[in-house]
Amino acid sequence: MKSNNEERQALANQIKEWSIQMDVLAAKQEAAALAANKFTRELVELQAKHRAATEQLRKLELGDVGFNMWENIGEGG
């Protein structure tokens, strides 16, 4: 059977180990949060570029339709 001193030392060692593990996990959590924020910013930027390009393409396509329509009218039909 362990003595009180041995039990105290074992508990103290376990507490130290858990403290180290908590510090490591906290650091990983912070790094993950920073990475998630970076990905969120990148996603927002890409979504804005996508919307702008989609709108630009829509305008170009509408312009082509209007131009082709006038060409057909000029040719009688």
PDB file of N, CA and C in Angstrom:
ATOM      1  N   MET A   1       0.848  -1.179   0.000  1.00  0.00           N
ATOM      2  CA  MET A   1       0.000   0.000   0.000  1.00  0.00           C
ATOM      3  C   MET A   1       0.891   1.240   0.000  1.00  0.00           C
ATOM      4  N   LYS A   2       0.463   2.261  -0.740  1.00  0.00           N
ATOM      5  CA  LYS A   2       1.242   3.494  -0.832  1.00  0.00           C
ATOM      6  C   LYS A   2       1.069   4.315   0.436  1.00  0.00           C
ATOM      7  N   SER A   3       2.118   5.023   0.761  1.00  0.00           N
ATOM      8  CA  SER A   3       2.022   5.939   1.895  1.00  0.00           C
ATOM      9  C   SER A   3       1.360   7.231   1.440  1.00  0.00           C
ATOM     10  N   ASN A   4       0.958   8.038   2.405  1.00  0.00           N
ATOM     11  CA  ASN A   4       0.344   9.333   2.076  1.00  0.00           C
ATOM     12  C   ASN A   4       1.281  10.188   1.236  1.00  0.00           C
ATOM     13  N   ASN A   5       2.548  10.129   1.560  1.00  0.00           N
ATOM     14  CA  ASN A   5       3.545  10.903   0.815  1.00  0.00           C
ATOM     15  C   ASN A   5       3.608  10.454  -0.639  1.00  0.00           C
ATOM     16  N   GLU A   6       3.602   9.167  -0.859  1.00  0.00           N
ATOM     17  CA  GLU A   6       3.652   8.629  -2.219  1.00  0.00           C
ATOM     18  C   GLU A   6       2.373   8.986  -2.994  1.00  0.00           C
ATOM     19  N   GLU A   7       1.241   8.899  -2.305  1.00  0.00           N
ATOM     20  CA  GLU A   7      -0.024   9.264  -2.953  1.00  0.00           C
ATOM     21  C   GLU A   7      -0.039  10.740  -3.332  1.00  0.00           C
ATOM     22  N   ARG A   8       0.435  11.575  -2.411  1.00  0.00           N
ATOM     23  CA  ARG A   8       0.500  13.017  -2.700  1.00  0.00           C
ATOM     24  C   ARG A   8       1.411  13.289  -3.892  1.00  0.00           C
ATOM     25  N   GLN A   9       2.555  12.627  -3.903  1.00  0.00           N
ATOM     26  CA  GLN A   9       3.512  12.835  -4.998  1.00  0.00           C
ATOM     27  C   GLN A   9       2.917  12.352  -6.318  1.00  0.00           C
ATOM     28  N   ALA A  10       2.236  11.221  -6.294  1.00  0.00           N
ATOM     29  CA  ALA A  10       1.613  10.694  -7.511  1.00  0.00           C
ATOM     30  C   ALA A  10       0.543  11.660  -8.015  1.00  0.00           C
ATOM     31  N   LEU A  11      -0.283  12.179  -7.105  1.00  0.00           N
ATOM     32  CA  LEU A  11      -1.312  13.150  -7.501  1.00  0.00           C
ATOM     33  C   LEU A  11      -0.687  14.435  -8.021  1.00  0.00           C
ATOM     34  N   ALA A  12       0.352  14.906  -7.367  1.00  0.00           N
ATOM     35  CA  ALA A  12       1.035  16.130  -7.808  1.00  0.00           C
ATOM     36  C   ALA A  12       1.607  15.931  -9.209  1.00  0.00           C
ATOM     37  N   ASN A  13       2.209  14.770  -9.446  1.00  0.00           N
ATOM     38  CA  ASN A  13       2.758  14.472 -10.776  1.00  0.00           C
ATOM     39  C   ASN A  13       1.661  14.421 -11.831  1.00  0.00           C
ATOM     40  N   GLN A  14       0.540  13.808 -11.470  1.00  0.00           N
ATOM     41  CA  GLN A  14      -0.585  13.722 -12.409  1.00  0.00           C
ATOM     42  C   GLN A  14      -1.121  15.113 -12.722  1.00  0.00           C
ATOM     43  N   ILE A  15      -1.239  15.949 -11.714  1.00  0.00           N
ATOM     44  CA  ILE A  15      -1.730  17.321 -11.909  1.00  0.00           C
ATOM     45  C   ILE A  15      -0.780  18.093 -12.819  1.00  0.00           C
ATOM     46  N   LYS A  16       0.520  17.932 -12.626  1.00  0.00           N
ATOM     47  CA  LYS A  16       1.499  18.602 -13.492  1.00  0.00           C
ATOM     48  C   LYS A  16       1.356  18.127 -14.932  1.00  0.00           C
ATOM     49  N   GLU A  17       1.199  16.826 -15.102  1.00  0.00           N
ATOM     50  CA  GLU A  17       1.049  16.272 -16.450  1.00  0.00           C
ATOM     51  C   GLU A  17      -0.213  16.814 -17.120  1.00  0.00           C
ATOM     52  N   TRP A  18      -1.311  16.851 -16.397  1.00  0.00           N
ATOM     53  CA  TRP A  18      -2.543  17.387 -16.957  1.00  0.00           C
ATOM     54  C   TRP A  18      -2.408  18.873 -17.284  1.00  0.00           C
ATOM     55  N   SER A  19      -1.690  19.604 -16.450  1.00  0.00           N
ATOM     56  CA  SER A  19      -1.460  21.030 -16.728  1.00  0.00           C
ATOM     57  C   SER A  19      -0.703  21.213 -18.038  1.00  0.00           C
ATOM     58  N   ILE A  20       0.291  20.381 -18.244  1.00  0.00           N
ATOM     59  CA  ILE A  20       1.060  20.442 -19.498  1.00  0.00           C
ATOM     60  C   ILE A  20       0.157  20.114 -20.681  1.00  0.00           C
ATOM     61  N   GLN A  21      -0.644  19.056 -20.537  1.00  0.00           N
ATOM     62  CA  GLN A  21      -1.555  18.671 -21.616  1.00  0.00           C
ATOM     63  C   GLN A  21      -2.572  19.777 -21.905  1.00  0.00           C
ATOM     64  N   MET A  22      -3.075  20.428 -20.865  1.00  0.00           N
ATOM     65  CA  MET A  22      -4.028  21.528 -21.066  1.00  0.00           C
ATOM     66  C   MET A  22      -3.364  22.685 -21.794  1.00  0.00           C
ATOM     67  N   ASP A  23      -2.121  23.005 -21.445  1.00  0.00           N
ATOM     68  CA  ASP A  23      -1.408  24.080 -22.129  1.00  0.00           C
ATOM     69  C   ASP A  23      -1.212  23.758 -23.607  1.00  0.00           C
ATOM     70  N   VAL A  24      -0.857  22.498 -23.892  1.00  0.00           N
ATOM     71  CA  VAL A  24      -0.658  22.078 -25.280  1.00  0.00           C
ATOM     72  C   VAL A  24      -1.978  22.186 -26.054  1.00  0.00           C
ATOM     73  N   LEU A  25      -3.056  21.699 -25.450  1.00  0.00           N
ATOM     74  CA  LEU A  25      -4.357  21.770 -26.120  1.00  0.00           C
ATOM     75  C   LEU A  25      -4.820  23.210 -26.307  1.00  0.00           C
ATOM     76  N   ALA A  26      -4.564  24.061 -25.327  1.00  0.00           N
ATOM     77  CA  ALA A  26      -4.948  25.471 -25.455  1.00  0.00           C
ATOM     78  C   ALA A  26      -4.189  26.125 -26.607  1.00  0.00           C
ATOM     79  N   ALA A  27      -2.906  25.792 -26.745  1.00  0.00           N
ATOM     80  CA  ALA A  27      -2.111  26.337 -27.848  1.00  0.00           C
ATOM     81  C   ALA A  27      -2.644  25.835 -29.190  1.00  0.00           C
ATOM     82  N   LYS A  28      -2.997  24.552 -29.254  1.00  0.00           N
ATOM     83  CA  LYS A  28      -3.552  24.000 -30.491  1.00  0.00           C
ATOM     84  C   LYS A  28      -4.890  24.653 -30.819  1.00  0.00           C
ATOM     85  N   GLN A  29      -5.688  24.888 -29.787  1.00  0.00           N
ATOM     86  CA  GLN A  29      -6.991  25.526 -29.999  1.00  0.00           C
ATOM     87  C   GLN A  29      -6.806  26.935 -30.543  1.00  0.00           C
ATOM     88  N   GLU A  30      -5.858  27.679 -29.992  1.00  0.00           N
ATOM     89  CA  GLU A  30      -5.593  29.042 -30.462  1.00  0.00           C
ATOM     90  C   GLU A  30      -5.115  29.028 -31.912  1.00  0.00           C
ATOM     91  N   ALA A  31      -4.225  28.093 -32.230  1.00  0.00           N
ATOM     92  CA  ALA A  31      -3.728  27.991 -33.603  1.00  0.00           C
ATOM     93  C   ALA A  31      -4.865  27.636 -34.562  1.00  0.00           C
ATOM     94  N   ALA A  32      -5.739  26.747 -34.136  1.00  0.00           N
ATOM     95  CA  ALA A  32      -6.870  26.362 -34.980  1.00  0.00           C
ATOM     96  C   ALA A  32      -7.822  27.536 -35.180  1.00  0.00           C
ATOM     97  N   ALA A  33      -8.041  28.316 -34.132  1.00  0.00           N
ATOM     98  CA  ALA A  33      -8.923  29.483 -34.251  1.00  0.00           C
ATOM     99  C   ALA A  33      -8.331  30.505 -35.213  1.00  0.00           C
ATOM    100  N   LEU A  34      -7.018  30.723 -35.135  1.00  0.00           N
ATOM    101  CA  LEU A  34      -6.364  31.650 -36.063  1.00  0.00           C
ATOM    102  C   LEU A  34      -6.476  31.143 -37.500  1.00  0.00           C
ATOM    103  N   ALA A  35      -6.277  29.845 -37.683  1.00  0.00           N
ATOM    104  CA  ALA A  35      -6.391  29.263 -39.022  1.00  0.00           C
ATOM    105  C   ALA A  35      -7.824  29.391 -39.538  1.00  0.00           C
ATOM    106  N   ALA A  36      -8.787  29.139 -38.662  1.00  0.00           N
ATOM    107  CA  ALA A  36     -10.191  29.251 -39.069  1.00  0.00           C
ATOM    108  C   ALA A  36     -10.520  30.680 -39.477  1.00  0.00           C
ATOM    109  N   ASN A  37     -10.006  31.655 -38.741  1.00  0.00           N
ATOM    110  CA  ASN A  37     -10.237  33.060 -39.092  1.00  0.00           C
ATOM    111  C   ASN A  37      -9.621  33.382 -40.448  1.00  0.00           C
ATOM    112  N   LYS A  38      -8.424  32.851 -40.689  1.00  0.00           N
ATOM    113  CA  LYS A  38      -7.758  33.077 -41.971  1.00  0.00           C
ATOM    114  C   LYS A  38      -8.587  32.476 -43.103  1.00  0.00           C
ATOM    115  N   PHE A  39      -9.069  31.245 -42.910  1.00  0.00           N
ATOM    116  CA  PHE A  39      -9.878  30.597 -43.933  1.00  0.00           C
ATOM    117  C   PHE A  39     -11.178  31.358 -44.164  1.00  0.00           C
ATOM    118  N   THR A  40     -11.751  31.883 -43.104  1.00  0.00           N
ATOM    119  CA  THR A  40     -12.988  32.665 -43.235  1.00  0.00           C
ATOM    120  C   THR A  40     -12.740  33.911 -44.074  1.00  0.00           C
ATOM    121  N   ARG A  41     -11.639  34.616 -43.801  1.00  0.00           N
ATOM    122  CA  ARG A  41     -11.306  35.806 -44.594  1.00  0.00           C
ATOM    123  C   ARG A  41     -11.087  35.444 -46.054  1.00  0.00           C
ATOM    124  N   GLU A  42     -10.348  34.365 -46.309  1.00  0.00           N
ATOM    125  CA  GLU A  42     -10.096  33.937 -47.684  1.00  0.00           C
ATOM    126  C   GLU A  42     -11.396  33.573 -48.387  1.00  0.00           C
ATOM    127  N   LEU A  43     -12.279  32.889 -47.677  1.00  0.00           N
ATOM    128  CA  LEU A  43     -13.558  32.498 -48.258  1.00  0.00           C
ATOM    129  C   LEU A  43     -14.392  33.720 -48.605  1.00  0.00           C
ATOM    130  N   VAL A  44     -14.434  34.700 -47.726  1.00  0.00           N
ATOM    131  CA  VAL A  44     -15.202  35.917 -47.987  1.00  0.00           C
ATOM    132  C   VAL A  44     -14.634  36.646 -49.204  1.00  0.00           C
ATOM    133  N   GLU A  45     -13.306  36.718 -49.302  1.00  0.00           N
ATOM    134  CA  GLU A  45     -12.679  37.372 -50.451  1.00  0.00           C
ATOM    135  C   GLU A  45     -13.013  36.640 -51.758  1.00  0.00           C
ATOM    136  N   LEU A  46     -12.934  35.314 -51.727  1.00  0.00           N
ATOM    137  CA  LEU A  46     -13.240  34.546 -52.936  1.00  0.00           C
ATOM    138  C   LEU A  46     -14.714  34.658 -53.313  1.00  0.00           C
ATOM    139  N   GLN A  47     -15.592  34.679 -52.320  1.00  0.00           N
ATOM    140  CA  GLN A  47     -17.012  34.851 -52.614  1.00  0.00           C
ATOM    141  C   GLN A  47     -17.272  36.201 -53.266  1.00  0.00           C
ATOM    142  N   ALA A  48     -16.593  37.250 -52.803  1.00  0.00           N
ATOM    143  CA  ALA A  48     -16.759  38.578 -53.397  1.00  0.00           C
ATOM    144  C   ALA A  48     -16.252  38.581 -54.842  1.00  0.00           C
ATOM    145  N   LYS A  49     -15.096  37.955 -55.075  1.00  0.00           N
ATOM    146  CA  LYS A  49     -14.565  37.867 -56.438  1.00  0.00           C
ATOM    147  C   LYS A  49     -15.515  37.076 -57.334  1.00  0.00           C
ATOM    148  N   HIS A  50     -16.051  36.003 -56.802  1.00  0.00           N
ATOM    149  CA  HIS A  50     -16.984  35.161 -57.556  1.00  0.00           C
ATOM    150  C   HIS A  50     -18.224  35.957 -57.938  1.00  0.00           C
ATOM    151  N   ARG A  51     -18.789  36.690 -56.976  1.00  0.00           N
ATOM    152  CA  ARG A  51     -19.981  37.498 -57.260  1.00  0.00           C
ATOM    153  C   ARG A  51     -19.681  38.543 -58.316  1.00  0.00           C
ATOM    154  N   ALA A  52     -18.533  39.224 -58.191  1.00  0.00           N
ATOM    155  CA  ALA A  52     -18.181  40.272 -59.142  1.00  0.00           C
ATOM    156  C   ALA A  52     -17.990  39.685 -60.546  1.00  0.00           C
ATOM    157  N   ALA A  53     -17.310  38.558 -60.633  1.00  0.00           N
ATOM    158  CA  ALA A  53     -17.086  37.938 -61.943  1.00  0.00           C
ATOM    159  C   ALA A  53     -18.395  37.433 -62.542  1.00  0.00           C
ATOM    160  N   THR A  54     -19.256  36.873 -61.704  1.00  0.00           N
ATOM    161  CA  THR A  54     -20.555  36.402 -62.184  1.00  0.00           C
ATOM    162  C   THR A  54     -21.378  37.568 -62.721  1.00  0.00           C
ATOM    163  N   GLU A  55     -21.368  38.668 -62.009  1.00  0.00           N
ATOM    164  CA  GLU A  55     -22.110  39.856 -62.454  1.00  0.00           C
ATOM    165  C   GLU A  55     -21.518  40.402 -63.752  1.00  0.00           C
ATOM    166  N   GLN A  56     -20.192  40.425 -63.830  1.00  0.00           N
ATOM    167  CA  GLN A  56     -19.548  40.912 -65.047  1.00  0.00           C
ATOM    168  C   GLN A  56     -19.901  40.008 -66.235  1.00  0.00           C
ATOM    169  N   LEU A  57     -19.882  38.697 -66.020  1.00  0.00           N
ATOM    170  CA  LEU A  57     -20.244  37.764 -67.085  1.00  0.00           C
ATOM    171  C   LEU A  57     -21.694  37.955 -67.496  1.00  0.00           C
ATOM    172  N   ARG A  58     -22.583  38.148 -66.542  1.00  0.00           N
ATOM    173  CA  ARG A  58     -23.995  38.359 -66.853  1.00  0.00           C
ATOM    174  C   ARG A  58     -24.168  39.612 -67.713  1.00  0.00           C
ATOM    175  N   LYS A  59     -23.458  40.681 -67.360  1.00  0.00           N
ATOM    176  CA  LYS A  59     -23.553  41.912 -68.143  1.00  0.00           C
ATOM    177  C   LYS A  59     -23.029  41.704 -69.558  1.00  0.00           C
ATOM    178  N   LEU A  60     -21.922  40.976 -69.689  1.00  0.00           N
ATOM    179  CA  LEU A  60     -21.372  40.710 -71.015  1.00  0.00           C
ATOM    180  C   LEU A  60     -22.339  39.870 -71.842  1.00  0.00           C
ATOM    181  N   GLU A  61     -22.938  38.870 -71.204  1.00  0.00           N
ATOM    182  CA  GLU A  61     -23.890  38.029 -71.936  1.00  0.00           C
ATOM    183  C   GLU A  61     -25.118  38.826 -72.347  1.00  0.00           C
ATOM    184  N   LEU A  62     -25.608  39.683 -71.483  1.00  0.00           N
ATOM    185  CA  LEU A  62     -26.756  40.521 -71.828  1.00  0.00           C
ATOM    186  C   LEU A  62     -26.395  41.481 -72.954  1.00  0.00           C
ATOM    187  N   GLY A  63     -25.183  41.986 -72.906  1.00  0.00           N
ATOM    188  CA  GLY A  63     -24.730  42.876 -73.981  1.00  0.00           C
ATOM    189  C   GLY A  63     -24.671  42.155 -75.301  1.00  0.00           C
ATOM    190  N   ASP A  64     -24.189  40.919 -75.290  1.00  0.00           N
ATOM    191  CA  ASP A  64     -24.131  40.129 -76.522  1.00  0.00           C
ATOM    192  C   ASP A  64     -25.528  39.845 -77.045  1.00  0.00           C
ATOM    193  N   VAL A  65     -26.451  39.538 -76.175  1.00  0.00           N
ATOM    194  CA  VAL A  65     -27.825  39.257 -76.599  1.00  0.00           C
ATOM    195  C   VAL A  65     -28.427  40.503 -77.237  1.00  0.00           C
ATOM    196  N   GLY A  66     -28.222  41.646 -76.606  1.00  0.00           N
ATOM    197  CA  GLY A  66     -28.756  42.894 -77.163  1.00  0.00           C
ATOM    198  C   GLY A  66     -28.127  43.230 -78.504  1.00  0.00           C
ATOM    199  N   PHE A  67     -26.823  43.037 -78.622  1.00  0.00           N
ATOM    200  CA  PHE A  67     -26.126  43.321 -79.871  1.00  0.00           C
ATOM    201  C   PHE A  67     -26.610  42.391 -80.979  1.00  0.00           C
ATOM    202  N   ASN A  68     -26.722  41.105 -80.655  1.00  0.00           N
ATOM    203  CA  ASN A  68     -27.180  40.133 -81.662  1.00  0.00           C
ATOM    204  C   ASN A  68     -28.618  40.401 -82.060  1.00  0.00           C
ATOM    205  N   MET A  69     -29.426  40.860 -81.125  1.00  0.00           N
ATOM    206  CA  MET A  69     -30.815  41.158 -81.442  1.00  0.00           C
ATOM    207  C   MET A  69     -30.881  42.307 -82.443  1.00  0.00           C
ATOM    208  N   TRP A  70     -30.088  43.348 -82.249  1.00  0.00           N
ATOM    209  CA  TRP A  70     -30.081  44.471 -83.184  1.00  0.00           C
ATOM    210  C   TRP A  70     -29.527  44.060 -84.541  1.00  0.00           C
ATOM    211  N   GLU A  71     -28.546  43.147 -84.548  1.00  0.00           N
ATOM    212  CA  GLU A  71     -28.017  42.664 -85.825  1.00  0.00           C
ATOM    213  C   GLU A  71     -29.110  41.957 -86.614  1.00  0.00           C
ATOM    214  N   ASN A  72     -29.897  41.129 -85.912  1.00  0.00           N
ATOM    215  CA  ASN A  72     -30.975  40.388 -86.587  1.00  0.00           C
ATOM    216  C   ASN A  72     -32.057  41.339 -87.091  1.00  0.00           C
ATOM    217  N   ILE A  73     -32.365  42.358 -86.355  1.00  0.00           N
ATOM    218  CA  ILE A  73     -33.379  43.322 -86.791  1.00  0.00           C
ATOM    219  C   ILE A  73     -32.886  44.045 -88.042  1.00  0.00           C
ATOM    220  N   GLY A  74     -31.614  44.378 -88.050  1.00  0.00           N
ATOM    221  CA  GLY A  74     -31.047  45.063 -89.207  1.00  0.00           C
ATOM    222  C   GLY A  74     -31.079  44.211 -90.468  1.00  0.00           C
ATOM    223  N   GLU A  75     -31.046  42.909 -90.295  1.00  0.00           N
ATOM    224  CA  GLU A  75     -31.057  41.996 -91.428  1.00  0.00           C
ATOM    225  C   GLU A  75     -32.483  41.593 -91.810  1.00  0.00           C
ATOM    226  N   GLY A  76     -33.444  42.206 -91.147  1.00  0.00           N
ATOM    227  CA  GLY A  76     -34.832  41.918 -91.481  1.00  0.00           C
ATOM    228  C   GLY A  76     -35.445  40.805 -90.664  1.00  0.00           C
ATOM    229  N   GLY A  77     -34.792  40.445 -89.569  1.00  0.00           N
ATOM    230  CA  GLY A  77     -35.489  39.435 -88.918  1.00  0.00           C
ATOM    231  C   GLY A  77     -35.104  38.753 -87.765  1.00  0.00           C
TER     232      GLY A  77
END
